[in-house]
Amino acid sequence: MTVPVKGPASYFPSIEKTYGQPIAHWKTIVRDNLPGRHMDLVALLKGEHGMGHGHANAVVAHVLAEGAKSQTSS
């Protein structure tokens, strides 16, 4: 039995289908613009890449959460 994906990652299949790029592509764009404020990074994905607000927010939230995890595990 597979566990359903929760949180921001639950948007990833739809993001890949809608925008034609793998999640790694979008995460790299966000990481390349760090440090940055959450909403500034969302605005970047929306304004420069045409991503919808919910999708952009999910990618940014996921990247920032990954960064927080790596900082606490260092």
PDB file of N, CA and C in Angstrom:
ATOM      1  N   MET A   1       0.849  -1.178   0.000  1.00  0.00           N
ATOM      2  CA  MET A   1       0.000   0.000   0.000  1.00  0.00           C
ATOM      3  C   MET A   1       0.896   1.243   0.000  1.00  0.00           C
ATOM      4  N   THR A   2       0.627   2.163  -0.898  1.00  0.00           N
ATOM      5  CA  THR A   2       1.419   3.388  -0.964  1.00  0.00           C
ATOM      6  C   THR A   2       0.785   4.467  -0.097  1.00  0.00           C
ATOM      7  N   VAL A   3       1.648   5.248   0.516  1.00  0.00           N
ATOM      8  CA  VAL A   3       1.196   6.351   1.354  1.00  0.00           C
ATOM      9  C   VAL A   3       0.977   7.566   0.465  1.00  0.00           C
ATOM     10  N   PRO A   4      -0.177   8.214   0.540  1.00  0.00           N
ATOM     11  CA  PRO A   4      -0.405   9.384  -0.309  1.00  0.00           C
ATOM     12  C   PRO A   4       0.545  10.530   0.065  1.00  0.00           C
ATOM     13  N   VAL A   5       0.995  11.244  -0.945  1.00  0.00           N
ATOM     14  CA  VAL A   5       1.880  12.383  -0.737  1.00  0.00           C
ATOM     15  C   VAL A   5       1.052  13.536  -0.185  1.00  0.00           C
ATOM     16  N   LYS A   6       1.604  14.199   0.827  1.00  0.00           N
ATOM     17  CA  LYS A   6       0.903  15.319   1.448  1.00  0.00           C
ATOM     18  C   LYS A   6       1.731  16.579   1.332  1.00  0.00           C
ATOM     19  N   GLY A   7       1.125  17.704   1.643  1.00  0.00           N
ATOM     20  CA  GLY A   7       1.832  18.969   1.656  1.00  0.00           C
ATOM     21  C   GLY A   7       2.155  19.468   0.255  1.00  0.00           C
ATOM     22  N   PRO A   8       3.152  20.356   0.157  1.00  0.00           N
ATOM     23  CA  PRO A   8       3.490  20.963  -1.128  1.00  0.00           C
ATOM     24  C   PRO A   8       3.811  19.945  -2.219  1.00  0.00           C
ATOM     25  N   ALA A   9       4.435  18.830  -1.863  1.00  0.00           N
ATOM     26  CA  ALA A   9       4.816  17.832  -2.864  1.00  0.00           C
ATOM     27  C   ALA A   9       3.604  17.216  -3.561  1.00  0.00           C
ATOM     28  N   SER A  10       2.430  17.318  -2.968  1.00  0.00           N
ATOM     29  CA  SER A  10       1.238  16.758  -3.604  1.00  0.00           C
ATOM     30  C   SER A  10       0.901  17.490  -4.908  1.00  0.00           C
ATOM     31  N   TYR A  11       1.429  18.698  -5.078  1.00  0.00           N
ATOM     32  CA  TYR A  11       1.198  19.480  -6.295  1.00  0.00           C
ATOM     33  C   TYR A  11       2.165  19.101  -7.424  1.00  0.00           C
ATOM     34  N   PHE A  12       3.237  18.385  -7.127  1.00  0.00           N
ATOM     35  CA  PHE A  12       4.308  18.175  -8.096  1.00  0.00           C
ATOM     36  C   PHE A  12       3.864  17.520  -9.404  1.00  0.00           C
ATOM     37  N   PRO A  13       3.049  16.461  -9.389  1.00  0.00           N
ATOM     38  CA  PRO A  13       2.631  15.879 -10.675  1.00  0.00           C
ATOM     39  C   PRO A  13       1.888  16.887 -11.556  1.00  0.00           C
ATOM     40  N   SER A  14       1.026  17.671 -10.955  1.00  0.00           N
ATOM     41  CA  SER A  14       0.280  18.673 -11.716  1.00  0.00           C
ATOM     42  C   SER A  14       1.201  19.770 -12.246  1.00  0.00           C
ATOM     43  N   ILE A  15       2.175  20.180 -11.449  1.00  0.00           N
ATOM     44  CA  ILE A  15       3.125  21.212 -11.877  1.00  0.00           C
ATOM     45  C   ILE A  15       3.922  20.712 -13.081  1.00  0.00           C
ATOM     46  N   GLU A  16       4.419  19.484 -12.999  1.00  0.00           N
ATOM     47  CA  GLU A  16       5.192  18.927 -14.114  1.00  0.00           C
ATOM     48  C   GLU A  16       4.345  18.835 -15.382  1.00  0.00           C
ATOM     49  N   LYS A  17       3.112  18.406 -15.243  1.00  0.00           N
ATOM     50  CA  LYS A  17       2.225  18.271 -16.403  1.00  0.00           C
ATOM     51  C   LYS A  17       1.861  19.640 -16.984  1.00  0.00           C
ATOM     52  N   THR A  18       1.547  20.583 -16.127  1.00  0.00           N
ATOM     53  CA  THR A  18       1.090  21.894 -16.579  1.00  0.00           C
ATOM     54  C   THR A  18       2.188  22.716 -17.235  1.00  0.00           C
ATOM     55  N   TYR A  19       3.395  22.674 -16.672  1.00  0.00           N
ATOM     56  CA  TYR A  19       4.457  23.568 -17.135  1.00  0.00           C
ATOM     57  C   TYR A  19       5.553  22.868 -17.926  1.00  0.00           C
ATOM     58  N   GLY A  20       5.451  21.536 -18.084  1.00  0.00           N
ATOM     59  CA  GLY A  20       6.331  20.801 -18.963  1.00  0.00           C
ATOM     60  C   GLY A  20       7.786  20.681 -18.537  1.00  0.00           C
ATOM     61  N   GLN A  21       8.051  20.909 -17.267  1.00  0.00           N
ATOM     62  CA  GLN A  21       9.413  20.785 -16.743  1.00  0.00           C
ATOM     63  C   GLN A  21       9.366  19.937 -15.473  1.00  0.00           C
ATOM     64  N   PRO A  22      10.438  19.187 -15.205  1.00  0.00           N
ATOM     65  CA  PRO A  22      10.462  18.420 -13.955  1.00  0.00           C
ATOM     66  C   PRO A  22      10.580  19.350 -12.739  1.00  0.00           C
ATOM     67  N   ILE A  23      10.175  18.861 -11.611  1.00  0.00           N
ATOM     68  CA  ILE A  23      10.233  19.651 -10.374  1.00  0.00           C
ATOM     69  C   ILE A  23      11.651  20.118 -10.099  1.00  0.00           C
ATOM     70  N   ALA A  24      12.636  19.308 -10.420  1.00  0.00           N
ATOM     71  CA  ALA A  24      14.028  19.704 -10.200  1.00  0.00           C
ATOM     72  C   ALA A  24      14.347  21.031 -10.896  1.00  0.00           C
ATOM     73  N   HIS A  25      13.779  21.257 -12.060  1.00  0.00           N
ATOM     74  CA  HIS A  25      13.977  22.517 -12.791  1.00  0.00           C
ATOM     75  C   HIS A  25      13.476  23.700 -11.969  1.00  0.00           C
ATOM     76  N   TRP A  26      12.267  23.584 -11.455  1.00  0.00           N
ATOM     77  CA  TRP A  26      11.659  24.689 -10.696  1.00  0.00           C
ATOM     78  C   TRP A  26      12.380  24.901  -9.367  1.00  0.00           C
ATOM     79  N   LYS A  27      12.775  23.815  -8.736  1.00  0.00           N
ATOM     80  CA  LYS A  27      13.497  23.939  -7.472  1.00  0.00           C
ATOM     81  C   LYS A  27      14.849  24.617  -7.682  1.00  0.00           C
ATOM     82  N   THR A  28      15.498  24.340  -8.793  1.00  0.00           N
ATOM     83  CA  THR A  28      16.776  24.984  -9.095  1.00  0.00           C
ATOM     84  C   THR A  28      16.595  26.485  -9.272  1.00  0.00           C
ATOM     85  N   ILE A  29      15.538  26.888  -9.951  1.00  0.00           N
ATOM     86  CA  ILE A  29      15.273  28.320 -10.118  1.00  0.00           C
ATOM     87  C   ILE A  29      15.116  28.989  -8.761  1.00  0.00           C
ATOM     88  N   VAL A  30      14.361  28.374  -7.878  1.00  0.00           N
ATOM     89  CA  VAL A  30      14.167  28.948  -6.539  1.00  0.00           C
ATOM     90  C   VAL A  30      15.498  28.996  -5.790  1.00  0.00           C
ATOM     91  N   ARG A  31      16.231  27.890  -5.784  1.00  0.00           N
ATOM     92  CA  ARG A  31      17.519  27.847  -5.068  1.00  0.00           C
ATOM     93  C   ARG A  31      18.495  28.896  -5.613  1.00  0.00           C
ATOM     94  N   ASP A  32      18.487  29.113  -6.928  1.00  0.00           N
ATOM     95  CA  ASP A  32      19.387  30.093  -7.535  1.00  0.00           C
ATOM     96  C   ASP A  32      19.058  31.528  -7.113  1.00  0.00           C
ATOM     97  N   ASN A  33      17.878  31.731  -6.552  1.00  0.00           N
ATOM     98  CA  ASN A  33      17.457  33.065  -6.116  1.00  0.00           C
ATOM     99  C   ASN A  33      17.425  33.200  -4.595  1.00  0.00           C
ATOM    100  N   LEU A  34      18.020  32.254  -3.900  1.00  0.00           N
ATOM    101  CA  LEU A  34      18.140  32.335  -2.445  1.00  0.00           C
ATOM    102  C   LEU A  34      19.378  33.130  -2.088  1.00  0.00           C
ATOM    103  N   PRO A  35      19.440  33.816  -0.978  1.00  0.00           N
ATOM    104  CA  PRO A  35      18.302  33.947  -0.060  1.00  0.00           C
ATOM    105  C   PRO A  35      17.266  34.903  -0.638  1.00  0.00           C
ATOM    106  N   GLY A  36      16.062  34.622  -0.340  1.00  0.00           N
ATOM    107  CA  GLY A  36      14.962  35.460  -0.795  1.00  0.00           C
ATOM    108  C   GLY A  36      13.756  35.235   0.084  1.00  0.00           C
ATOM    109  N   ARG A  37      12.911  36.215   0.129  1.00  0.00           N
ATOM    110  CA  ARG A  37      11.665  36.078   0.892  1.00  0.00           C
ATOM    111  C   ARG A  37      10.694  35.178   0.145  1.00  0.00           C
ATOM    112  N   HIS A  38       9.924  34.451   0.899  1.00  0.00           N
ATOM    113  CA  HIS A  38       8.973  33.491   0.332  1.00  0.00           C
ATOM    114  C   HIS A  38       8.133  34.126  -0.785  1.00  0.00           C
ATOM    115  N   MET A  39       7.475  35.215  -0.503  1.00  0.00           N
ATOM    116  CA  MET A  39       6.571  35.801  -1.488  1.00  0.00           C
ATOM    117  C   MET A  39       7.318  36.414  -2.673  1.00  0.00           C
ATOM    118  N   ASP A  40       8.546  36.837  -2.474  1.00  0.00           N
ATOM    119  CA  ASP A  40       9.348  37.327  -3.601  1.00  0.00           C
ATOM    120  C   ASP A  40       9.683  36.178  -4.547  1.00  0.00           C
ATOM    121  N   LEU A  41       9.968  35.017  -3.987  1.00  0.00           N
ATOM    122  CA  LEU A  41      10.266  33.841  -4.807  1.00  0.00           C
ATOM    123  C   LEU A  41       9.011  33.352  -5.529  1.00  0.00           C
ATOM    124  N   VAL A  42       7.878  33.411  -4.874  1.00  0.00           N
ATOM    125  CA  VAL A  42       6.601  33.065  -5.515  1.00  0.00           C
ATOM    126  C   VAL A  42       6.351  34.023  -6.678  1.00  0.00           C
ATOM    127  N   ALA A  43       6.567  35.310  -6.450  1.00  0.00           N
ATOM    128  CA  ALA A  43       6.351  36.317  -7.503  1.00  0.00           C
ATOM    129  C   ALA A  43       7.278  36.073  -8.695  1.00  0.00           C
ATOM    130  N   LEU A  44       8.493  35.628  -8.429  1.00  0.00           N
ATOM    131  CA  LEU A  44       9.438  35.312  -9.500  1.00  0.00           C
ATOM    132  C   LEU A  44       8.886  34.190 -10.388  1.00  0.00           C
ATOM    133  N   LEU A  45       8.434  33.111  -9.776  1.00  0.00           N
ATOM    134  CA  LEU A  45       7.898  31.995 -10.557  1.00  0.00           C
ATOM    135  C   LEU A  45       6.642  32.401 -11.320  1.00  0.00           C
ATOM    136  N   LYS A  46       5.821  33.221 -10.714  1.00  0.00           N
ATOM    137  CA  LYS A  46       4.601  33.676 -11.374  1.00  0.00           C
ATOM    138  C   LYS A  46       4.911  34.648 -12.505  1.00  0.00           C
ATOM    139  N   GLY A  47       5.725  35.646 -12.227  1.00  0.00           N
ATOM    140  CA  GLY A  47       5.972  36.710 -13.195  1.00  0.00           C
ATOM    141  C   GLY A  47       6.881  36.327 -14.343  1.00  0.00           C
ATOM    142  N   GLU A  48       7.950  35.616 -14.047  1.00  0.00           N
ATOM    143  CA  GLU A  48       8.934  35.294 -15.088  1.00  0.00           C
ATOM    144  C   GLU A  48       8.689  33.946 -15.756  1.00  0.00           C
ATOM    145  N   HIS A  49       7.893  33.089 -15.113  1.00  0.00           N
ATOM    146  CA  HIS A  49       7.725  31.740 -15.652  1.00  0.00           C
ATOM    147  C   HIS A  49       6.263  31.349 -15.853  1.00  0.00           C
ATOM    148  N   GLY A  50       5.329  32.258 -15.552  1.00  0.00           N
ATOM    149  CA  GLY A  50       3.918  32.024 -15.812  1.00  0.00           C
ATOM    150  C   GLY A  50       3.258  30.980 -14.940  1.00  0.00           C
ATOM    151  N   MET A  51       3.854  30.694 -13.798  1.00  0.00           N
ATOM    152  CA  MET A  51       3.302  29.682 -12.905  1.00  0.00           C
ATOM    153  C   MET A  51       2.147  30.281 -12.096  1.00  0.00           C
ATOM    154  N   GLY A  52       1.136  29.477 -11.845  1.00  0.00           N
ATOM    155  CA  GLY A  52       0.026  29.913 -11.011  1.00  0.00           C
ATOM    156  C   GLY A  52       0.457  30.064  -9.555  1.00  0.00           C
ATOM    157  N   HIS A  53      -0.304  30.829  -8.798  1.00  0.00           N
ATOM    158  CA  HIS A  53       0.076  31.131  -7.418  1.00  0.00           C
ATOM    159  C   HIS A  53       0.216  29.875  -6.554  1.00  0.00           C
ATOM    160  N   GLY A  54      -0.752  28.989  -6.598  1.00  0.00           N
ATOM    161  CA  GLY A  54      -0.706  27.786  -5.760  1.00  0.00           C
ATOM    162  C   GLY A  54       0.480  26.895  -6.087  1.00  0.00           C
ATOM    163  N   HIS A  55       0.750  26.744  -7.364  1.00  0.00           N
ATOM    164  CA  HIS A  55       1.889  25.921  -7.772  1.00  0.00           C
ATOM    165  C   HIS A  55       3.207  26.572  -7.359  1.00  0.00           C
ATOM    166  N   ALA A  56       3.329  27.869  -7.596  1.00  0.00           N
ATOM    167  CA  ALA A  56       4.556  28.582  -7.215  1.00  0.00           C
ATOM    168  C   ALA A  56       4.766  28.504  -5.707  1.00  0.00           C
ATOM    169  N   ASN A  57       3.708  28.704  -4.959  1.00  0.00           N
ATOM    170  CA  ASN A  57       3.791  28.650  -3.506  1.00  0.00           C
ATOM    171  C   ASN A  57       4.242  27.270  -3.032  1.00  0.00           C
ATOM    172  N   ALA A  58       3.737  26.218  -3.667  1.00  0.00           N
ATOM    173  CA  ALA A  58       4.111  24.853  -3.284  1.00  0.00           C
ATOM    174  C   ALA A  58       5.596  24.596  -3.530  1.00  0.00           C
ATOM    175  N   VAL A  59       6.112  25.032  -4.674  1.00  0.00           N
ATOM    176  CA  VAL A  59       7.527  24.815  -4.984  1.00  0.00           C
ATOM    177  C   VAL A  59       8.399  25.571  -3.994  1.00  0.00           C
ATOM    178  N   VAL A  60       8.081  26.836  -3.758  1.00  0.00           N
ATOM    179  CA  VAL A  60       8.878  27.650  -2.837  1.00  0.00           C
ATOM    180  C   VAL A  60       8.827  27.073  -1.423  1.00  0.00           C
ATOM    181  N   ALA A  61       7.652  26.712  -0.961  1.00  0.00           N
ATOM    182  CA  ALA A  61       7.522  26.153   0.389  1.00  0.00           C
ATOM    183  C   ALA A  61       8.352  24.883   0.529  1.00  0.00           C
ATOM    184  N   HIS A  62       8.340  24.052  -0.490  1.00  0.00           N
ATOM    185  CA  HIS A  62       9.101  22.800  -0.440  1.00  0.00           C
ATOM    186  C   HIS A  62      10.605  23.076  -0.390  1.00  0.00           C
ATOM    187  N   VAL A  63      11.084  23.976  -1.230  1.00  0.00           N
ATOM    188  CA  VAL A  63      12.514  24.307  -1.252  1.00  0.00           C
ATOM    189  C   VAL A  63      12.938  24.914   0.080  1.00  0.00           C
ATOM    190  N   LEU A  64      12.155  25.823   0.609  1.00  0.00           N
ATOM    191  CA  LEU A  64      12.523  26.457   1.884  1.00  0.00           C
ATOM    192  C   LEU A  64      12.489  25.443   3.023  1.00  0.00           C
ATOM    193  N   ALA A  65      11.561  24.506   2.985  1.00  0.00           N
ATOM    194  CA  ALA A  65      11.516  23.456   4.015  1.00  0.00           C
ATOM    195  C   ALA A  65      12.735  22.549   3.901  1.00  0.00           C
ATOM    196  N   GLU A  66      13.156  22.237   2.695  1.00  0.00           N
ATOM    197  CA  GLU A  66      14.356  21.431   2.514  1.00  0.00           C
ATOM    198  C   GLU A  66      15.575  22.145   3.088  1.00  0.00           C
ATOM    199  N   GLY A  67      15.652  23.440   2.868  1.00  0.00           N
ATOM    200  CA  GLY A  67      16.769  24.227   3.399  1.00  0.00           C
ATOM    201  C   GLY A  67      16.764  24.239   4.910  1.00  0.00           C
ATOM    202  N   ALA A  68      15.594  24.336   5.511  1.00  0.00           N
ATOM    203  CA  ALA A  68      15.491  24.345   6.971  1.00  0.00           C
ATOM    204  C   ALA A  68      15.928  22.992   7.533  1.00  0.00           C
ATOM    205  N   LYS A  69      15.561  21.906   6.849  1.00  0.00           N
ATOM    206  CA  LYS A  69      15.960  20.567   7.297  1.00  0.00           C
ATOM    207  C   LYS A  69      17.471  20.389   7.214  1.00  0.00           C
ATOM    208  N   SER A  70      18.076  20.871   6.121  1.00  0.00           N
ATOM    209  CA  SER A  70      19.521  20.684   5.968  1.00  0.00           C
ATOM    210  C   SER A  70      20.287  21.524   6.965  1.00  0.00           C
ATOM    211  N   GLN A  71      19.739  22.660   7.378  1.00  0.00           N
ATOM    212  CA  GLN A  71      20.402  23.504   8.372  1.00  0.00           C
ATOM    213  C   GLN A  71      20.336  22.867   9.757  1.00  0.00           C
ATOM    214  N   THR A  72      19.249  22.176  10.064  1.00  0.00           N
ATOM    215  CA  THR A  72      19.137  21.563  11.388  1.00  0.00           C
ATOM    216  C   THR A  72      19.901  20.256  11.476  1.00  0.00           C
ATOM    217  N   SER A  73      20.175  19.630  10.323  1.00  0.00           N
ATOM    218  CA  SER A  73      20.901  18.358  10.348  1.00  0.00           C
ATOM    219  C   SER A  73      22.405  18.547  10.198  1.00  0.00           C
ATOM    220  N   SER A  74      22.864  19.770  10.065  1.00  0.00           N
ATOM    221  CA  SER A  74      24.302  20.038   9.906  1.00  0.00           C
ATOM    222  C   SER A  74      25.032  19.954  11.227  1.00  0.00           C
TER     223      SER A  74
END
